[in-house]
Protein backbone atom coordinates (compact mmCIF):
# COMPACT_ATOMS: atom_id res chain seq x y z
CA MET A 1 113.35 97.08 69.72
CA PRO A 2 110.08 95.16 70.94
CA SER A 3 106.96 97.24 71.33
CA PRO A 4 106.01 98.23 74.89
CA LEU A 5 103.77 95.87 76.81
CA THR A 6 99.95 96.50 76.40
CA MET A 7 97.54 96.90 79.41
CA SER A 8 95.25 94.15 77.95
CA THR A 9 98.00 91.40 78.32
CA THR A 10 99.51 92.26 81.48
CA THR A 11 98.85 90.35 84.66
CA THR A 12 100.95 90.11 87.97
CA THR A 13 101.28 87.91 91.03
CA ILE A 14 102.02 89.81 94.21
CA THR A 15 103.56 88.48 97.16
CA THR A 16 103.55 90.48 100.30
CA THR A 17 105.19 89.76 103.68
CA THR A 18 105.67 91.83 106.85
CA THR A 19 108.05 91.74 109.57
CA THR A 20 108.11 93.64 112.90
CA LYS A 21 111.33 94.57 114.49
CA THR A 22 111.72 94.94 118.23
CA ARG A 23 113.30 98.15 118.15
CA GLY A 24 111.23 101.45 118.84
CA THR A 25 107.55 101.78 119.03
CA THR A 26 104.79 102.63 116.57
CA THR A 27 101.53 104.52 116.89
CA PRO A 28 98.61 102.28 117.75
CA HIS A 29 96.00 101.79 114.97
CA PRO A 30 92.68 103.42 115.74
CA SER A 31 89.80 100.86 116.55
CA ASN A 32 87.05 100.06 114.12
CA LEU A 33 84.67 102.03 116.41
CA ASP A 34 86.76 105.25 116.21
CA GLN A 35 87.14 105.00 112.36
CA PHE A 36 83.29 104.43 112.10
CA LEU A 37 82.55 107.32 114.35
CA ALA A 38 84.97 109.65 112.42
CA ALA A 39 83.68 108.87 109.05
CA PRO A 40 80.90 106.23 108.88
CA THR A 41 80.21 106.35 105.01
CA PRO A 42 83.92 105.72 104.09
CA PHE A 43 84.23 103.13 106.77
CA LEU A 44 81.22 101.07 105.53
CA ALA A 45 82.39 101.46 101.99
CA ARG A 46 85.84 99.91 102.77
CA VAL A 47 83.95 97.00 104.71
CA LEU A 48 82.08 96.36 101.47
CA TYR A 49 85.17 96.59 99.22
CA ASN A 50 87.30 94.40 101.48
CA SER A 51 84.53 91.85 101.43
CA LEU A 52 84.07 91.48 97.58
CA PRO A 53 85.03 88.08 96.29
CA ALA A 54 88.54 87.20 96.32
CA GLN A 55 88.47 86.57 92.53
CA ARG A 56 87.88 90.15 91.93
CA ARG A 57 90.54 91.60 94.50
CA GLN A 58 93.35 89.18 93.37
CA PRO A 59 95.13 89.05 89.92
CA PRO A 60 95.81 85.68 88.23
CA GLU A 61 99.21 84.15 88.57
CA GLN A 62 101.76 85.08 86.05
CA HIS A 63 104.38 82.58 84.92
CA GLY A 64 106.83 81.96 82.21
CA GLU A 65 110.05 83.41 80.89
CA GLU A 66 108.63 86.81 79.97
CA ALA A 67 107.40 87.66 83.62
CA LEU A 68 109.30 90.25 85.34
CA THR A 69 110.27 90.27 88.96
CA VAL A 70 109.58 93.89 90.32
CA VAL A 71 110.81 94.72 93.84
CA CYS A 72 109.09 97.74 95.30
CA VAL A 73 110.43 99.72 98.38
CA SER A 74 109.62 103.14 99.85
CA ASP A 75 110.36 105.48 102.89
CA THR A 76 113.53 103.67 104.06
CA HIS A 77 114.62 106.97 105.60
CA GLY A 78 118.30 106.62 105.43
CA GLN A 79 118.49 102.96 106.30
CA MET A 80 119.49 100.30 103.87
CA PRO A 81 117.47 96.97 104.39
CA PRO A 82 118.38 93.83 102.58
CA LEU A 83 116.29 93.60 99.24
CA PRO A 84 115.03 90.57 97.38
CA ALA A 85 116.53 89.66 94.01
CA GLY A 86 114.65 90.70 90.91
CA ASP A 87 114.84 92.25 87.42
CA LEU A 88 113.54 95.75 88.39
CA LEU A 89 113.86 97.64 91.66
CA LEU A 90 111.61 100.51 92.35
CA HIS A 91 112.12 102.99 95.21
CA SER A 92 109.25 105.62 95.58
CA GLY A 93 110.95 108.18 97.67
CA ASP A 94 112.13 109.23 101.20
CA LEU A 95 115.33 107.65 100.70
CA THR A 96 116.83 110.05 103.58
CA ALA A 97 116.02 110.94 107.12
CA SER A 98 116.85 114.66 106.84
CA GLY A 99 117.33 115.39 103.37
CA THR A 100 120.98 116.04 103.21
CA MET A 101 123.08 115.74 100.11
CA GLY A 102 125.42 113.25 102.04
CA GLU A 103 122.48 111.06 103.17
CA LEU A 104 121.20 111.03 99.52
CA GLN A 105 124.48 110.29 98.24
CA ASP A 106 124.90 107.14 100.51
CA ALA A 107 121.21 106.08 99.73
CA LEU A 108 121.76 106.24 96.06
CA GLN A 109 125.20 104.41 96.07
CA TRP A 110 123.25 101.66 98.19
CA ILE A 111 120.72 101.54 95.48
CA ALA A 112 123.18 101.44 92.66
CA SER A 113 124.90 98.48 94.28
CA GLN A 114 121.88 96.18 94.09
CA PRO A 115 121.99 93.26 91.58
CA HIS A 116 118.74 94.21 89.67
CA ARG A 117 119.27 95.03 86.05
CA TYR A 118 117.51 98.54 86.46
CA LYS A 119 117.09 100.59 89.62
CA VAL A 120 114.35 103.44 89.25
CA VAL A 121 114.16 106.03 92.20
CA ILE A 122 112.30 109.12 92.83
CA ALA A 123 112.38 111.69 95.61
CA GLY A 124 110.14 111.98 98.47
CA ASN A 125 109.01 114.90 100.77
CA ARG A 126 112.31 114.34 102.81
CA GLU A 127 114.72 114.82 99.90
CA LEU A 128 115.05 118.58 100.44
CA CYS A 129 118.45 118.79 98.80
CA LEU A 130 116.77 117.79 95.38
CA ASP A 131 113.80 120.37 95.50
CA GLU A 132 114.77 123.47 93.69
CA GLU A 133 112.05 125.52 95.71
CA SER A 134 113.26 124.27 99.09
CA ARG A 135 116.96 124.90 98.10
CA GLY A 136 116.49 128.10 96.36
CA ARG A 137 118.38 127.13 93.34
CA PRO A 138 118.28 124.43 90.71
CA LEU A 139 120.06 121.06 90.87
CA SER A 140 121.89 119.14 88.00
CA ILE A 141 119.96 115.87 87.38
CA SER A 142 120.57 113.32 84.83
CA ASN A 143 117.72 111.06 83.58
CA GLY A 144 119.99 108.03 83.00
CA SER A 145 121.94 109.07 79.80
CA GLY A 146 125.04 107.29 81.12
CA ALA A 147 123.10 103.98 81.19
CA GLN A 148 121.73 104.67 77.87
CA ASP A 149 125.13 105.23 76.25
CA GLU A 150 126.63 102.14 77.87
CA LYS A 151 123.75 99.59 77.51
CA ALA A 152 122.08 101.17 74.47
CA SER A 153 118.82 99.99 76.12
CA ILE A 154 117.21 102.92 77.76
CA THR A 155 115.18 105.53 75.98
CA SER A 156 113.67 108.47 78.03
CA SER A 157 111.10 111.20 77.20
CA SER A 158 110.91 113.88 79.92
CA THR A 159 107.76 115.87 80.61
CA THR A 160 109.75 118.16 82.71
CA SER A 161 113.14 119.47 82.04
CA THR A 162 115.49 117.98 84.70
CA THR A 163 118.97 118.86 83.28
CA THR A 164 121.37 121.83 83.09
CA THR A 165 123.01 123.65 85.99
CA THR A 166 125.43 122.52 88.65
CA THR A 167 125.51 123.23 92.15
CA THR A 168 127.94 124.09 94.86
CA THR A 169 127.50 121.67 97.83
CA THR A 170 130.10 119.78 99.90
CA ALA A 171 128.88 116.45 98.70
CA THR A 172 128.31 115.96 95.05
CA ILE A 173 126.41 113.09 93.19
CA ASP A 174 128.05 111.47 90.26
CA TRP A 175 124.89 110.89 88.14
CA GLU A 176 126.82 109.48 85.31
CA LYS A 177 128.44 106.80 87.47
CA LEU A 178 125.08 105.87 89.07
CA SER A 179 123.29 105.48 85.69
CA ALA A 180 126.10 103.37 84.44
CA ALA A 181 125.18 101.02 87.24
CA GLY A 182 121.63 101.01 85.95
CA LEU A 183 120.13 103.62 88.39
CA VAL A 184 117.61 106.02 86.98
CA TYR A 185 116.30 108.99 88.66
CA LEU A 186 112.87 110.44 87.52
CA GLN A 187 111.39 113.57 88.45
CA ASN A 188 108.07 114.31 86.67
CA SER A 189 109.53 112.45 83.75
CA SER A 190 109.35 108.93 81.88
CA ILE A 191 111.81 106.36 80.69
CA THR A 192 111.39 103.13 78.65
CA LEU A 193 113.55 100.17 79.80
CA HIS A 194 114.27 97.23 77.70
CA PHE A 195 114.82 93.88 79.15
CA PRO A 196 116.67 91.35 76.82
CA ALA A 197 115.71 87.78 76.09
CA PRO A 198 114.43 85.60 77.21
CA ARG A 199 111.81 88.40 78.43
CA ASP A 200 112.46 90.78 75.47
CA ARG A 201 110.05 93.40 76.73
CA CYS A 202 110.05 97.20 77.05
CA ILE A 203 108.58 98.87 79.91
CA LYS A 204 107.63 102.49 80.22
CA ILE A 205 107.92 104.12 83.72
CA PHE A 206 106.73 107.52 84.88
CA GLY A 207 108.07 108.92 88.14
CA SER A 208 107.13 111.94 90.28
CA PRO A 209 108.14 112.98 93.74
CA LEU A 210 104.99 115.15 94.22
CA SER A 211 102.73 115.06 97.37
CA PRO A 212 100.02 117.32 98.94
CA ARG A 213 101.40 119.69 101.31
CA HIS A 214 101.53 118.59 104.89
CA SER A 215 104.52 120.51 106.31
CA PRO A 216 106.26 123.79 105.56
CA HIS A 217 109.54 122.08 105.91
CA ALA A 218 108.97 119.37 103.33
CA ALA A 219 110.01 118.94 99.56
CA PHE A 220 108.18 118.49 96.38
CA GLN A 221 104.73 119.63 97.79
CA TYR A 222 101.75 121.36 96.20
CA ALA A 223 99.27 123.41 98.31
CA SER A 224 95.98 122.05 97.12
CA ALA A 225 94.07 120.07 94.33
CA GLU A 226 93.26 123.28 92.78
CA GLU A 227 96.85 123.54 91.49
CA GLN A 228 96.03 120.54 89.36
CA PRO A 229 99.69 119.18 89.57
CA TRP A 230 98.73 115.88 87.96
CA HIS A 231 96.33 116.94 85.01
CA GLY A 232 97.80 115.49 81.92
CA MET A 233 101.17 114.82 83.36
CA ILE A 234 101.42 111.06 83.04
CA PRO A 235 101.90 109.80 79.40
CA PRO A 236 98.90 107.62 78.18
CA ASP A 237 101.05 104.65 77.24
CA THR A 238 102.79 104.36 80.74
CA ASP A 239 102.97 100.82 82.13
CA ILE A 240 104.28 101.60 85.62
CA VAL A 241 103.63 104.80 87.59
CA LEU A 242 106.01 105.53 90.41
CA THR A 243 104.86 108.36 92.88
CA HIS A 244 105.44 109.27 96.39
CA THR A 245 101.95 110.06 97.33
CA PRO A 246 99.17 107.35 96.96
CA PRO A 247 95.94 108.13 95.29
CA GLN A 248 92.95 108.92 97.29
CA CYS A 249 90.94 105.96 98.61
CA HIS A 250 93.70 103.43 97.97
CA LEU A 251 96.21 102.36 100.50
CA ASP A 252 96.23 105.84 101.93
CA SER A 253 95.13 104.94 105.49
CA TRP A 254 91.65 105.26 106.89
CA ARG A 255 92.18 108.92 107.12
CA ARG A 256 92.27 109.08 103.25
CA LEU A 257 95.51 111.09 102.99
CA GLY A 258 96.02 110.44 99.12
CA CYS A 259 95.52 112.66 96.30
CA GLY A 260 92.22 112.96 94.57
CA VAL A 261 93.78 114.61 91.44
CA LEU A 262 96.18 111.93 91.09
CA LEU A 263 93.41 109.36 91.36
CA ARG A 264 91.51 110.86 88.39
CA GLU A 265 94.90 111.04 86.48
CA LEU A 266 95.05 107.20 86.99
CA TRP A 267 91.54 106.78 85.63
CA ARG A 268 92.66 108.23 82.46
CA VAL A 269 96.00 106.23 82.14
CA ARG A 270 95.11 103.04 83.90
CA PRO A 271 98.70 101.65 84.17
CA ALA A 272 99.53 97.95 84.97
CA LEU A 273 101.33 98.81 88.10
CA HIS A 274 101.34 102.00 90.37
CA VAL A 275 103.94 101.92 93.25
CA PHE A 276 104.07 104.46 96.14
CA GLY A 277 104.64 105.16 99.63
CA HIS A 278 104.49 108.20 101.95
CA VAL A 279 101.59 107.10 103.92
CA HIS A 280 103.11 104.49 106.08
CA ALA A 281 99.91 103.03 107.56
CA GLY A 282 98.69 102.22 104.08
CA TYR A 283 101.33 99.54 103.47
CA GLY A 284 99.97 96.66 101.31
CA VAL A 285 98.68 95.51 97.88
CA GLU A 286 95.34 96.24 96.03
CA VAL A 287 93.89 95.30 92.76
CA VAL A 288 91.91 98.20 91.26
CA ARG A 289 89.41 97.48 88.48
CA TRP A 290 88.28 100.39 86.47
CA ASP A 291 84.54 99.89 86.52
CA GLU A 292 81.38 101.09 88.12
CA MET A 293 81.94 99.19 91.36
CA GLN A 294 85.32 100.99 91.76
CA ARG A 295 83.88 104.33 90.84
CA LEU A 296 81.16 103.95 93.50
CA TYR A 297 83.67 102.89 96.20
CA GLU A 298 85.56 105.98 95.56
CA GLY A 299 82.73 108.12 95.68
CA ALA A 300 81.55 106.73 98.98
CA CYS A 301 85.04 107.25 100.31
CA ALA A 302 85.61 110.70 99.23
CA GLY A 303 82.51 112.10 97.57
CA GLY A 304 81.77 115.09 99.90
CA GLY A 305 79.25 115.41 102.67
CA GLY A 306 80.10 115.82 106.36
CA SER A 307 81.56 112.36 106.88
CA GLY A 308 83.81 112.69 103.73
CA GLY A 309 81.81 110.49 101.60
CA SER A 310 78.72 110.07 99.54
CA ALA A 311 75.94 108.03 101.17
CA TRP A 312 74.09 107.61 97.85
CA ALA A 313 77.23 106.12 96.33
CA LEU A 314 77.34 103.84 99.25
CA VAL A 315 73.62 102.64 98.79
CA ARG A 316 74.28 101.91 95.18
CA MET A 317 77.68 100.13 96.02
CA ALA A 318 75.73 97.95 98.51
CA GLY A 319 73.25 96.90 95.79
CA MET A 320 76.22 96.10 93.39
CA PHE A 321 77.90 94.11 96.31
CA VAL A 322 74.75 91.84 96.52
CA VAL A 323 74.60 91.23 92.55
CA CYS A 324 78.57 90.60 92.58
CA TRP A 325 78.23 87.89 95.23
CA VAL A 326 75.11 86.44 93.62
CA SER A 327 76.90 86.42 90.15
CA TYR A 328 80.00 84.78 91.62
CA GLY A 329 77.72 81.99 93.33
CA LEU A 330 75.65 81.09 90.25
CA PHE A 331 78.36 81.48 87.55
CA GLY A 332 81.68 81.62 89.19
CA GLY A 333 84.67 83.09 87.35
CA ARG A 334 85.70 86.84 87.63
CA TRP A 335 82.74 89.20 87.75
CA ARG A 336 82.97 92.81 86.45
CA TRP A 337 80.28 95.35 86.31
CA GLY A 338 80.24 97.16 83.03
CA ASP A 339 82.84 97.26 80.30
CA ASP A 340 86.32 95.55 80.88
CA GLN A 341 88.48 98.64 81.43
CA GLY A 342 91.57 96.84 82.63
CA GLU A 343 93.16 96.76 86.29
CA THR A 344 95.91 98.27 88.00
CA ARG A 345 98.06 96.74 90.87
CA MET A 346 98.60 99.41 93.45
CA VAL A 347 101.48 98.87 95.80
CA ASN A 348 102.04 101.04 99.02
CA ALA A 349 105.73 99.91 99.65
CA SER A 350 106.47 102.00 102.83
CA ALA A 351 109.12 100.12 104.88
CA SER A 352 108.67 102.53 107.82
CA ARG A 353 105.69 102.33 110.12
CA GLY A 354 105.37 105.72 112.02
CA ARG A 355 102.60 107.94 112.21
CA GLY A 356 101.84 108.59 108.50
CA GLY A 357 103.63 110.63 105.84
CA GLY A 358 106.57 111.88 107.76
CA GLY A 359 107.76 115.36 107.34
CA GLY A 360 111.15 116.71 106.52
CA GLY A 361 112.03 116.68 110.02
CA GLY A 362 110.67 113.18 110.67
CA GLU A 363 108.54 112.04 113.61
CA ALA A 364 109.01 109.47 116.55
CA GLY A 365 108.96 106.08 115.26
CA ASP A 366 109.16 107.12 111.39
CA SER A 367 112.59 105.58 110.85
CA LEU A 368 111.44 102.12 112.41
CA LEU A 369 111.50 99.68 109.46
CA VAL A 370 109.05 97.04 109.98
CA ASN A 371 107.70 96.28 106.54
CA GLU A 372 109.35 93.96 103.89
CA PRO A 373 109.78 95.10 100.28
CA ILE A 374 107.00 94.01 98.15
CA VAL A 375 107.68 91.70 95.09
CA VAL A 376 105.57 91.80 91.97
CA ARG A 377 105.38 89.53 89.05
CA LEU A 378 104.79 91.52 86.12
C-alpha cells in the first residue's frame, strides 16, 4: 500500500460558491462599525489579515491524475441538498434537525447513496441520539469494518473506543450496510483511506464531533477550555481533520466562537485540510500558514484584554504587514515570515445560514440552506 501523502507535497485548489434561497429569513450581519465598537483590536487584525497579498492567502492550483476532488458539507439539519461529484465526501456534523434516530437514519442513507468512493461523516451538537452522555447509555458504532472487509482498502486506528454494546431504539442503524457503501463514521477516531490508480494515494482522516458548550440541550459538548478536550487527540500524521467546531480566529464569525484549544492542537499537527461547520456565519475558505504572521494575527484576535485581543500583537502585525507588501512589490513570489512551516486549507462548509452554531432544538432560520458545498482539490 502506498505511503500516506506528506504535508510538504500537498496543495489544493478551492472553489467556493454560494446561493441564496428565497424561502425563509436570515439574521442581518452586524455592520463594520458595530464589530469595531464591540472588539476593536480583533476587528483591525482581521482587516489587516484579509488585506494581505492574494499570493499568501490562496494556494497554487493542483492538477494531474493524483489530485483528489473532496466535497465538503456541514449543518444540513435534516435536509438533503444535491452534492457535487467527487472522490471523497466529508460531512462535518449536524446531519439532523432534532437529533432523533429516525432523522439520523435517513441522513446517513442519503450520504451512503452518494456516488463518491468514500463518505466520511461525524456527528454535531444536534445528534443527541449518538451522544452517550445525552442518551444516558452507550451506542453501538462501527468505524467502517464492513467497508474494510469488502474493499480491503480501509485501515483505521481509533483514539477512542467506539464499539461494543447495542441499544434498544425504535429505529436502528445498519452500520455494516452503510460501511459497505463506503460510509465511515468517526468519533474521536481516525481512518486511512486508499484511493486506487490512477491516484494511488492514502489519506489519513481524523474526525471528532466535539464543540464548546453553548446549550444544555446539545450533544458532544465540553464545558470549557480547562477540560483540554483536544490535547494530543489528533495523530501527528493526519492529512485531513474533520471537526464540528471551528478553531478560534478562523472562519468562526466576528464573535470568535471557535475553540482556542483546538487551534493549539492544529499548530501541532498542521494537516493539509481542516473541514468544519457549526458556526454558520463563518462559511468560506481560508489558507492558514503556520508562521509568525499567523501567530500574531491569532494573538491580536484572541490574546486577552478587554477587547478580546492583544494590542501589542496588532502593532507587530501591522509592521509585518508593511514588510510583507514591500517584499511582494520588490521580489514577487510567495512571501513568508520565518521558516516554512507548511499550510492548512480551512473550510467552514456550513450549508445553513441561521444565527450561529444552532443548538439541539434549533433556531429560527437555522434550517435554511443557503450555502453550496465547497469543493477542494487535494
